[in-house]
Amino acid sequence: FKPGAFQIAKQLHVPIIPVTFVNNFSLFSDP
């Protein structure tokens, strides 16, 4: 992961909600 979201969560003191997209890799392609 890139650190940006975690830096923002720490700075703003907000929770993180992990989200797993199980099959998006097969639904989308490189634009």
Full PDB file with SEQRES, HELIX, SHEET, SSBOND, CRYST1, ORIGX, SCALE, CONECT and MASTER records, all heavy atoms in Angstrom:
SEQRES   1 A   31  PHE LYS PRO GLY ALA PHE GLN ILE ALA LYS GLN LEU HIS          
SEQRES   2 A   31  VAL PRO ILE ILE PRO VAL THR PHE VAL ASN ASN PHE SER          
SEQRES   3 A   31  LEU PHE SER ASP PRO                                          
HELIX    1 AA1 GLY A    4  LEU A   12  1                                   9    
HELIX    2 AA2 ASN A   24  LEU A   27  1                                   4    
CRYST1    1.000    1.000    1.000  90.00  90.00  90.00 P 1           1          
ORIGX1      1.000000  0.000000  0.000000        0.00000                         
ORIGX2      0.000000  1.000000  0.000000        0.00000                         
ORIGX3      0.000000  0.000000  1.000000        0.00000                         
SCALE1      1.000000  0.000000  0.000000        0.00000                         
SCALE2      0.000000  1.000000  0.000000        0.00000                         
SCALE3      0.000000  0.000000  1.000000        0.00000                         
ATOM      1  N   PHE A   1       0.819  -1.203   0.000  1.00  0.00           N  
ATOM      2  CA  PHE A   1       0.000   0.000   0.000  1.00  0.00           C  
ATOM      3  C   PHE A   1       0.857   1.258   0.000  1.00  0.00           C  
ATOM      4  O   PHE A   1       1.953   1.280   0.559  1.00  0.00           O  
ATOM      5  CB  PHE A   1      -0.909   0.033   1.227  1.00  0.00           C  
ATOM      6  CG  PHE A   1      -1.953  -1.046   1.242  1.00  0.00           C  
ATOM      7  CD1 PHE A   1      -2.494  -1.458   2.435  1.00  0.00           C  
ATOM      8  CD2 PHE A   1      -2.405  -1.642   0.085  1.00  0.00           C  
ATOM      9  CE1 PHE A   1      -3.474  -2.442   2.477  1.00  0.00           C  
ATOM     10  CE2 PHE A   1      -3.381  -2.621   0.107  1.00  0.00           C  
ATOM     11  CZ  PHE A   1      -3.918  -3.022   1.314  1.00  0.00           C  
ATOM     12  N   LYS A   2       0.320   2.297  -0.590  1.00  0.00           N  
ATOM     13  CA  LYS A   2       0.947   3.613  -0.530  1.00  0.00           C  
ATOM     14  C   LYS A   2       0.594   4.214   0.836  1.00  0.00           C  
ATOM     15  O   LYS A   2      -0.450   3.916   1.401  1.00  0.00           O  
ATOM     16  CB  LYS A   2       0.440   4.470  -1.681  1.00  0.00           C  
ATOM     17  CG  LYS A   2       0.833   3.886  -3.028  1.00  0.00           C  
ATOM     18  CD  LYS A   2       0.214   4.635  -4.168  1.00  0.00           C  
ATOM     19  CE  LYS A   2       0.558   3.926  -5.486  1.00  0.00           C  
ATOM     20  NZ  LYS A   2      -0.138   4.495  -6.613  1.00  0.00           N  
ATOM     21  N   PRO A   3       1.451   5.079   1.375  1.00  0.00           N  
ATOM     22  CA  PRO A   3       1.247   5.540   2.753  1.00  0.00           C  
ATOM     23  C   PRO A   3       0.208   6.639   2.937  1.00  0.00           C  
ATOM     24  O   PRO A   3      -0.211   6.910   4.056  1.00  0.00           O  
ATOM     25  CB  PRO A   3       2.630   6.046   3.153  1.00  0.00           C  
ATOM     26  CG  PRO A   3       3.251   6.479   1.863  1.00  0.00           C  
ATOM     27  CD  PRO A   3       2.739   5.498   0.828  1.00  0.00           C  
ATOM     28  N   GLY A   4      -0.237   7.278   1.881  1.00  0.00           N  
ATOM     29  CA  GLY A   4      -1.079   8.474   1.996  1.00  0.00           C  
ATOM     30  C   GLY A   4      -2.320   8.327   2.850  1.00  0.00           C  
ATOM     31  O   GLY A   4      -2.589   9.154   3.732  1.00  0.00           O  
ATOM     32  N   ALA A   5      -3.108   7.287   2.626  1.00  0.00           N  
ATOM     33  CA  ALA A   5      -4.352   7.110   3.384  1.00  0.00           C  
ATOM     34  C   ALA A   5      -4.066   6.920   4.872  1.00  0.00           C  
ATOM     35  O   ALA A   5      -4.816   7.413   5.728  1.00  0.00           O  
ATOM     36  CB  ALA A   5      -5.132   5.919   2.847  1.00  0.00           C  
ATOM     37  N   PHE A   6      -2.984   6.249   5.181  1.00  0.00           N  
ATOM     38  CA  PHE A   6      -2.638   5.984   6.577  1.00  0.00           C  
ATOM     39  C   PHE A   6      -2.119   7.256   7.254  1.00  0.00           C  
ATOM     40  O   PHE A   6      -2.412   7.504   8.423  1.00  0.00           O  
ATOM     41  CB  PHE A   6      -1.624   4.843   6.665  1.00  0.00           C  
ATOM     42  CG  PHE A   6      -2.133   3.602   5.983  1.00  0.00           C  
ATOM     43  CD1 PHE A   6      -1.694   3.251   4.720  1.00  0.00           C  
ATOM     44  CD2 PHE A   6      -3.114   2.819   6.579  1.00  0.00           C  
ATOM     45  CE1 PHE A   6      -2.188   2.129   4.076  1.00  0.00           C  
ATOM     46  CE2 PHE A   6      -3.629   1.699   5.948  1.00  0.00           C  
ATOM     47  CZ  PHE A   6      -3.160   1.355   4.687  1.00  0.00           C  
ATOM     48  N   GLN A   7      -1.371   8.057   6.510  1.00  0.00           N  
ATOM     49  CA  GLN A   7      -0.908   9.339   7.041  1.00  0.00           C  
ATOM     50  C   GLN A   7      -2.092  10.249   7.356  1.00  0.00           C  
ATOM     51  O   GLN A   7      -2.146  10.872   8.420  1.00  0.00           O  
ATOM     52  CB  GLN A   7       0.018  10.033   6.031  1.00  0.00           C  
ATOM     53  CG  GLN A   7       1.339   9.340   5.853  1.00  0.00           C  
ATOM     54  CD  GLN A   7       2.144   9.906   4.683  1.00  0.00           C  
ATOM     55  OE1 GLN A   7       1.597  10.512   3.768  1.00  0.00           O  
ATOM     56  NE2 GLN A   7       3.444   9.681   4.714  1.00  0.00           N  
ATOM     57  N   ILE A   8      -3.062  10.294   6.449  1.00  0.00           N  
ATOM     58  CA  ILE A   8      -4.246  11.138   6.653  1.00  0.00           C  
ATOM     59  C   ILE A   8      -5.048  10.641   7.852  1.00  0.00           C  
ATOM     60  O   ILE A   8      -5.495  11.434   8.689  1.00  0.00           O  
ATOM     61  CB  ILE A   8      -5.103  11.178   5.371  1.00  0.00           C  
ATOM     62  CG1 ILE A   8      -4.357  11.938   4.277  1.00  0.00           C  
ATOM     63  CG2 ILE A   8      -6.470  11.802   5.646  1.00  0.00           C  
ATOM     64  CD1 ILE A   8      -4.987  11.823   2.903  1.00  0.00           C  
ATOM     65  N   ALA A   9      -5.243   9.328   7.958  1.00  0.00           N  
ATOM     66  CA  ALA A   9      -6.003   8.771   9.080  1.00  0.00           C  
ATOM     67  C   ALA A   9      -5.344   9.123  10.408  1.00  0.00           C  
ATOM     68  O   ALA A   9      -6.028   9.483  11.374  1.00  0.00           O  
ATOM     69  CB  ALA A   9      -6.136   7.260   8.932  1.00  0.00           C  
ATOM     70  N   LYS A  10      -4.027   9.052  10.456  1.00  0.00           N  
ATOM     71  CA  LYS A  10      -3.312   9.385  11.686  1.00  0.00           C  
ATOM     72  C   LYS A  10      -3.421  10.879  11.995  1.00  0.00           C  
ATOM     73  O   LYS A  10      -3.653  11.266  13.136  1.00  0.00           O  
ATOM     74  CB  LYS A  10      -1.856   8.951  11.602  1.00  0.00           C  
ATOM     75  CG  LYS A  10      -1.689   7.425  11.704  1.00  0.00           C  
ATOM     76  CD  LYS A  10      -0.262   6.988  11.687  1.00  0.00           C  
ATOM     77  CE  LYS A  10       0.445   7.195  12.979  1.00  0.00           C  
ATOM     78  NZ  LYS A  10      -0.122   6.520  14.158  1.00  0.00           N  
ATOM     79  N   GLN A  11      -3.254  11.718  10.974  1.00  0.00           N  
ATOM     80  CA  GLN A  11      -3.320  13.170  11.184  1.00  0.00           C  
ATOM     81  C   GLN A  11      -4.699  13.615  11.655  1.00  0.00           C  
ATOM     82  O   GLN A  11      -4.823  14.482  12.513  1.00  0.00           O  
ATOM     83  CB  GLN A  11      -2.979  13.920   9.896  1.00  0.00           C  
ATOM     84  CG  GLN A  11      -1.517  13.939   9.552  1.00  0.00           C  
ATOM     85  CD  GLN A  11      -1.264  14.640   8.219  1.00  0.00           C  
ATOM     86  OE1 GLN A  11      -2.158  14.819   7.400  1.00  0.00           O  
ATOM     87  NE2 GLN A  11      -0.020  15.028   8.003  1.00  0.00           N  
ATOM     88  N   LEU A  12      -5.741  13.023  11.086  1.00  0.00           N  
ATOM     89  CA  LEU A  12      -7.110  13.442  11.393  1.00  0.00           C  
ATOM     90  C   LEU A  12      -7.744  12.625  12.519  1.00  0.00           C  
ATOM     91  O   LEU A  12      -8.876  12.893  12.910  1.00  0.00           O  
ATOM     92  CB  LEU A  12      -7.981  13.352  10.134  1.00  0.00           C  
ATOM     93  CG  LEU A  12      -7.564  14.247   8.976  1.00  0.00           C  
ATOM     94  CD1 LEU A  12      -8.470  14.035   7.776  1.00  0.00           C  
ATOM     95  CD2 LEU A  12      -7.559  15.717   9.396  1.00  0.00           C  
ATOM     96  N   HIS A  13      -7.022  11.612  13.003  1.00  0.00           N  
ATOM     97  CA  HIS A  13      -7.519  10.741  14.083  1.00  0.00           C  
ATOM     98  C   HIS A  13      -8.886  10.146  13.715  1.00  0.00           C  
ATOM     99  O   HIS A  13      -9.878  10.322  14.425  1.00  0.00           O  
ATOM    100  CB  HIS A  13      -7.591  11.503  15.411  1.00  0.00           C  
ATOM    101  CG  HIS A  13      -6.284  12.119  15.789  1.00  0.00           C  
ATOM    102  ND1 HIS A  13      -5.224  11.379  16.267  1.00  0.00           N  
ATOM    103  CD2 HIS A  13      -5.844  13.398  15.712  1.00  0.00           C  
ATOM    104  CE1 HIS A  13      -4.201  12.171  16.491  1.00  0.00           C  
ATOM    105  NE2 HIS A  13      -4.549  13.401  16.162  1.00  0.00           N  
ATOM    106  N   VAL A  14      -8.896   9.446  12.587  1.00  0.00           N  
ATOM    107  CA  VAL A  14     -10.118   8.781  12.117  1.00  0.00           C  
ATOM    108  C   VAL A  14      -9.840   7.284  11.962  1.00  0.00           C  
ATOM    109  O   VAL A  14      -8.705   6.862  11.756  1.00  0.00           O  
ATOM    110  CB  VAL A  14     -10.626   9.365  10.774  1.00  0.00           C  
ATOM    111  CG1 VAL A  14     -11.050  10.814  10.950  1.00  0.00           C  
ATOM    112  CG2 VAL A  14      -9.581   9.242   9.686  1.00  0.00           C  
ATOM    113  N   PRO A  15     -10.878   6.463  12.054  1.00  0.00           N  
ATOM    114  CA  PRO A  15     -10.690   5.019  11.869  1.00  0.00           C  
ATOM    115  C   PRO A  15     -10.432   4.696  10.399  1.00  0.00           C  
ATOM    116  O   PRO A  15     -10.699   5.509   9.510  1.00  0.00           O  
ATOM    117  CB  PRO A  15     -12.019   4.423  12.334  1.00  0.00           C  
ATOM    118  CG  PRO A  15     -13.007   5.520  12.160  1.00  0.00           C  
ATOM    119  CD  PRO A  15     -12.263   6.803  12.366  1.00  0.00           C  
ATOM    120  N   ILE A  16      -9.924   3.502  10.159  1.00  0.00           N  
ATOM    121  CA  ILE A  16      -9.717   3.011   8.793  1.00  0.00           C  
ATOM    122  C   ILE A  16     -10.671   1.844   8.596  1.00  0.00           C  
ATOM    123  O   ILE A  16     -10.774   0.967   9.463  1.00  0.00           O  
ATOM    124  CB  ILE A  16      -8.262   2.554   8.584  1.00  0.00           C  
ATOM    125  CG1 ILE A  16      -7.331   3.765   8.641  1.00  0.00           C  
ATOM    126  CG2 ILE A  16      -8.103   1.803   7.263  1.00  0.00           C  
ATOM    127  CD1 ILE A  16      -5.870   3.422   8.587  1.00  0.00           C  
ATOM    128  N   ILE A  17     -11.356   1.838   7.473  1.00  0.00           N  
ATOM    129  CA  ILE A  17     -12.252   0.735   7.154  1.00  0.00           C  
ATOM    130  C   ILE A  17     -11.673  -0.013   5.956  1.00  0.00           C  
ATOM    131  O   ILE A  17     -11.765   0.457   4.822  1.00  0.00           O  
ATOM    132  CB  ILE A  17     -13.678   1.233   6.847  1.00  0.00           C  
ATOM    133  CG1 ILE A  17     -14.219   1.989   8.061  1.00  0.00           C  
ATOM    134  CG2 ILE A  17     -14.579   0.059   6.472  1.00  0.00           C  
ATOM    135  CD1 ILE A  17     -15.554   2.637   7.859  1.00  0.00           C  
ATOM    136  N   PRO A  18     -11.059  -1.171   6.204  1.00  0.00           N  
ATOM    137  CA  PRO A  18     -10.520  -1.958   5.091  1.00  0.00           C  
ATOM    138  C   PRO A  18     -11.664  -2.516   4.236  1.00  0.00           C  
ATOM    139  O   PRO A  18     -12.697  -2.935   4.755  1.00  0.00           O  
ATOM    140  CB  PRO A  18      -9.754  -3.092   5.775  1.00  0.00           C  
ATOM    141  CG  PRO A  18      -9.552  -2.643   7.179  1.00  0.00           C  
ATOM    142  CD  PRO A  18     -10.717  -1.755   7.493  1.00  0.00           C  
ATOM    143  N   VAL A  19     -11.462  -2.492   2.934  1.00  0.00           N  
ATOM    144  CA  VAL A  19     -12.452  -3.006   1.989  1.00  0.00           C  
ATOM    145  C   VAL A  19     -11.728  -3.948   1.030  1.00  0.00           C  
ATOM    146  O   VAL A  19     -10.693  -3.594   0.470  1.00  0.00           O  
ATOM    147  CB  VAL A  19     -13.128  -1.863   1.207  1.00  0.00           C  
ATOM    148  CG1 VAL A  19     -14.117  -2.402   0.191  1.00  0.00           C  
ATOM    149  CG2 VAL A  19     -13.813  -0.887   2.152  1.00  0.00           C  
ATOM    150  N   THR A  20     -12.279  -5.151   0.850  1.00  0.00           N  
ATOM    151  CA  THR A  20     -11.711  -6.130  -0.070  1.00  0.00           C  
ATOM    152  C   THR A  20     -12.629  -6.268  -1.274  1.00  0.00           C  
ATOM    153  O   THR A  20     -13.807  -6.573  -1.123  1.00  0.00           O  
ATOM    154  CB  THR A  20     -11.577  -7.519   0.596  1.00  0.00           C  
ATOM    155  OG1 THR A  20     -10.781  -7.392   1.764  1.00  0.00           O  
ATOM    156  CG2 THR A  20     -10.925  -8.521  -0.350  1.00  0.00           C  
ATOM    157  N   PHE A  21     -12.088  -6.007  -2.447  1.00  0.00           N  
ATOM    158  CA  PHE A  21     -12.794  -6.247  -3.703  1.00  0.00           C  
ATOM    159  C   PHE A  21     -12.251  -7.562  -4.248  1.00  0.00           C  
ATOM    160  O   PHE A  21     -11.125  -7.618  -4.740  1.00  0.00           O  
ATOM    161  CB  PHE A  21     -12.547  -5.102  -4.689  1.00  0.00           C  
ATOM    162  CG  PHE A  21     -13.138  -3.799  -4.228  1.00  0.00           C  
ATOM    163  CD1 PHE A  21     -12.385  -2.897  -3.505  1.00  0.00           C  
ATOM    164  CD2 PHE A  21     -14.459  -3.485  -4.518  1.00  0.00           C  
ATOM    165  CE1 PHE A  21     -12.927  -1.697  -3.073  1.00  0.00           C  
ATOM    166  CE2 PHE A  21     -15.014  -2.290  -4.091  1.00  0.00           C  
ATOM    167  CZ  PHE A  21     -14.242  -1.396  -3.367  1.00  0.00           C  
ATOM    168  N   VAL A  22     -13.039  -8.600  -4.148  1.00  0.00           N  
ATOM    169  CA  VAL A  22     -12.572  -9.953  -4.431  1.00  0.00           C  
ATOM    170  C   VAL A  22     -12.324 -10.195  -5.915  1.00  0.00           C  
ATOM    171  O   VAL A  22     -11.354 -10.855  -6.282  1.00  0.00           O  
ATOM    172  CB  VAL A  22     -13.577 -10.993  -3.882  1.00  0.00           C  
ATOM    173  CG1 VAL A  22     -13.201 -12.400  -4.277  1.00  0.00           C  
ATOM    174  CG2 VAL A  22     -13.669 -10.866  -2.373  1.00  0.00           C  
ATOM    175  N   ASN A  23     -13.163  -9.697  -6.784  1.00  0.00           N  
ATOM    176  CA  ASN A  23     -13.048 -10.053  -8.200  1.00  0.00           C  
ATOM    177  C   ASN A  23     -12.956  -8.861  -9.148  1.00  0.00           C  
ATOM    178  O   ASN A  23     -13.114  -9.028 -10.356  1.00  0.00           O  
ATOM    179  CB  ASN A  23     -14.230 -10.940  -8.603  1.00  0.00           C  
ATOM    180  CG  ASN A  23     -15.568 -10.235  -8.460  1.00  0.00           C  
ATOM    181  OD1 ASN A  23     -15.711  -9.315  -7.658  1.00  0.00           O  
ATOM    182  ND2 ASN A  23     -16.544 -10.666  -9.226  1.00  0.00           N  
ATOM    183  N   ASN A  24     -12.673  -7.677  -8.650  1.00  0.00           N  
ATOM    184  CA  ASN A  24     -12.586  -6.524  -9.548  1.00  0.00           C  
ATOM    185  C   ASN A  24     -11.489  -6.682 -10.600  1.00  0.00           C  
ATOM    186  O   ASN A  24     -11.604  -6.166 -11.704  1.00  0.00           O  
ATOM    187  CB  ASN A  24     -12.356  -5.241  -8.764  1.00  0.00           C  
ATOM    188  CG  ASN A  24     -13.645  -4.649  -8.259  1.00  0.00           C  
ATOM    189  OD1 ASN A  24     -14.703  -5.284  -8.323  1.00  0.00           O  
ATOM    190  ND2 ASN A  24     -13.584  -3.447  -7.740  1.00  0.00           N  
ATOM    191  N   PHE A  25     -10.438  -7.408 -10.261  1.00  0.00           N  
ATOM    192  CA  PHE A  25      -9.345  -7.599 -11.213  1.00  0.00           C  
ATOM    193  C   PHE A  25      -9.834  -8.280 -12.489  1.00  0.00           C  
ATOM    194  O   PHE A  25      -9.277  -8.092 -13.565  1.00  0.00           O  
ATOM    195  CB  PHE A  25      -8.193  -8.403 -10.584  1.00  0.00           C  
ATOM    196  CG  PHE A  25      -8.504  -9.871 -10.425  1.00  0.00           C  
ATOM    197  CD1 PHE A  25      -8.048 -10.783 -11.358  1.00  0.00           C  
ATOM    198  CD2 PHE A  25      -9.255 -10.325  -9.355  1.00  0.00           C  
ATOM    199  CE1 PHE A  25      -8.337 -12.130 -11.222  1.00  0.00           C  
ATOM    200  CE2 PHE A  25      -9.541 -11.658  -9.201  1.00  0.00           C  
ATOM    201  CZ  PHE A  25      -9.090 -12.568 -10.143  1.00  0.00           C  
ATOM    202  N   SER A  26     -10.909  -9.072 -12.391  1.00  0.00           N  
ATOM    203  CA  SER A  26     -11.423  -9.764 -13.578  1.00  0.00           C  
ATOM    204  C   SER A  26     -12.533  -8.972 -14.278  1.00  0.00           C  
ATOM    205  O   SER A  26     -12.912  -9.304 -15.400  1.00  0.00           O  
ATOM    206  CB  SER A  26     -11.939 -11.153 -13.204  1.00  0.00           C  
ATOM    207  OG  SER A  26     -13.054 -11.055 -12.343  1.00  0.00           O  
ATOM    208  N   LEU A  27     -13.046  -7.948 -13.622  1.00  0.00           N  
ATOM    209  CA  LEU A  27     -14.113  -7.142 -14.223  1.00  0.00           C  
ATOM    210  C   LEU A  27     -13.582  -5.919 -14.956  1.00  0.00           C  
ATOM    211  O   LEU A  27     -14.213  -5.426 -15.885  1.00  0.00           O  
ATOM    212  CB  LEU A  27     -15.106  -6.686 -13.143  1.00  0.00           C  
ATOM    213  CG  LEU A  27     -15.846  -7.785 -12.389  1.00  0.00           C  
ATOM    214  CD1 LEU A  27     -16.695  -7.177 -11.286  1.00  0.00           C  
ATOM    215  CD2 LEU A  27     -16.693  -8.611 -13.334  1.00  0.00           C  
ATOM    216  N   PHE A  28     -12.445  -5.404 -14.498  1.00  0.00           N  
ATOM    217  CA  PHE A  28     -11.892  -4.181 -15.067  1.00  0.00           C  
ATOM    218  C   PHE A  28     -10.593  -4.469 -15.797  1.00  0.00           C  
ATOM    219  O   PHE A  28      -9.928  -5.459 -15.534  1.00  0.00           O  
ATOM    220  CB  PHE A  28     -11.638  -3.151 -13.957  1.00  0.00           C  
ATOM    221  CG  PHE A  28     -12.884  -2.744 -13.239  1.00  0.00           C  
ATOM    222  CD1 PHE A  28     -13.206  -3.295 -12.014  1.00  0.00           C  
ATOM    223  CD2 PHE A  28     -13.758  -1.832 -13.805  1.00  0.00           C  
ATOM    224  CE1 PHE A  28     -14.366  -2.930 -11.345  1.00  0.00           C  
ATOM    225  CE2 PHE A  28     -14.919  -1.465 -13.153  1.00  0.00           C  
ATOM    226  CZ  PHE A  28     -15.226  -2.012 -11.919  1.00  0.00           C  
ATOM    227  N   SER A  29     -10.245  -3.578 -16.699  1.00  0.00           N  
ATOM    228  CA  SER A  29      -8.964  -3.698 -17.385  1.00  0.00           C  
ATOM    229  C   SER A  29      -8.300  -2.337 -17.390  1.00  0.00           C  
ATOM    230  O   SER A  29      -8.906  -1.324 -17.053  1.00  0.00           O  
ATOM    231  CB  SER A  29      -9.162  -4.212 -18.813  1.00  0.00           C  
ATOM    232  OG  SER A  29      -9.957  -3.320 -19.563  1.00  0.00           O  
ATOM    233  N   ASP A  30      -7.063  -2.313 -17.785  1.00  0.00           N  
ATOM    234  CA  ASP A  30      -6.299  -1.074 -17.859  1.00  0.00           C  
ATOM    235  C   ASP A  30      -6.999  -0.128 -18.834  1.00  0.00           C  
ATOM    236  O   ASP A  30      -7.300  -0.513 -19.963  1.00  0.00           O  
ATOM    237  CB  ASP A  30      -4.879  -1.386 -18.333  1.00  0.00           C  
ATOM    238  CG  ASP A  30      -3.945  -0.204 -18.155  1.00  0.00           C  
ATOM    239  OD1 ASP A  30      -4.377   0.936 -18.412  1.00  0.00           O  
ATOM    240  OD2 ASP A  30      -2.794  -0.422 -17.766  1.00  0.00           O  
ATOM    241  N   PRO A  31      -7.272   1.116 -18.419  1.00  0.00           N  
ATOM    242  CA  PRO A  31      -7.987   2.037 -19.311  1.00  0.00           C  
ATOM    243  C   PRO A  31      -7.230   2.364 -20.601  1.00  0.00           C  
ATOM    244  O   PRO A  31      -7.829   2.866 -21.554  1.00  0.00           O  
ATOM    245  CB  PRO A  31      -8.192   3.289 -18.463  1.00  0.00           C  
ATOM    246  CG  PRO A  31      -7.430   3.099 -17.220  1.00  0.00           C  
ATOM    247  CD  PRO A  31      -7.002   1.673 -17.123  1.00  0.00           C  
TER     248      PRO A  31                                                      
MASTER        0    0    0    2    0    0    0    6  247    1    0    3          
END                                                                             
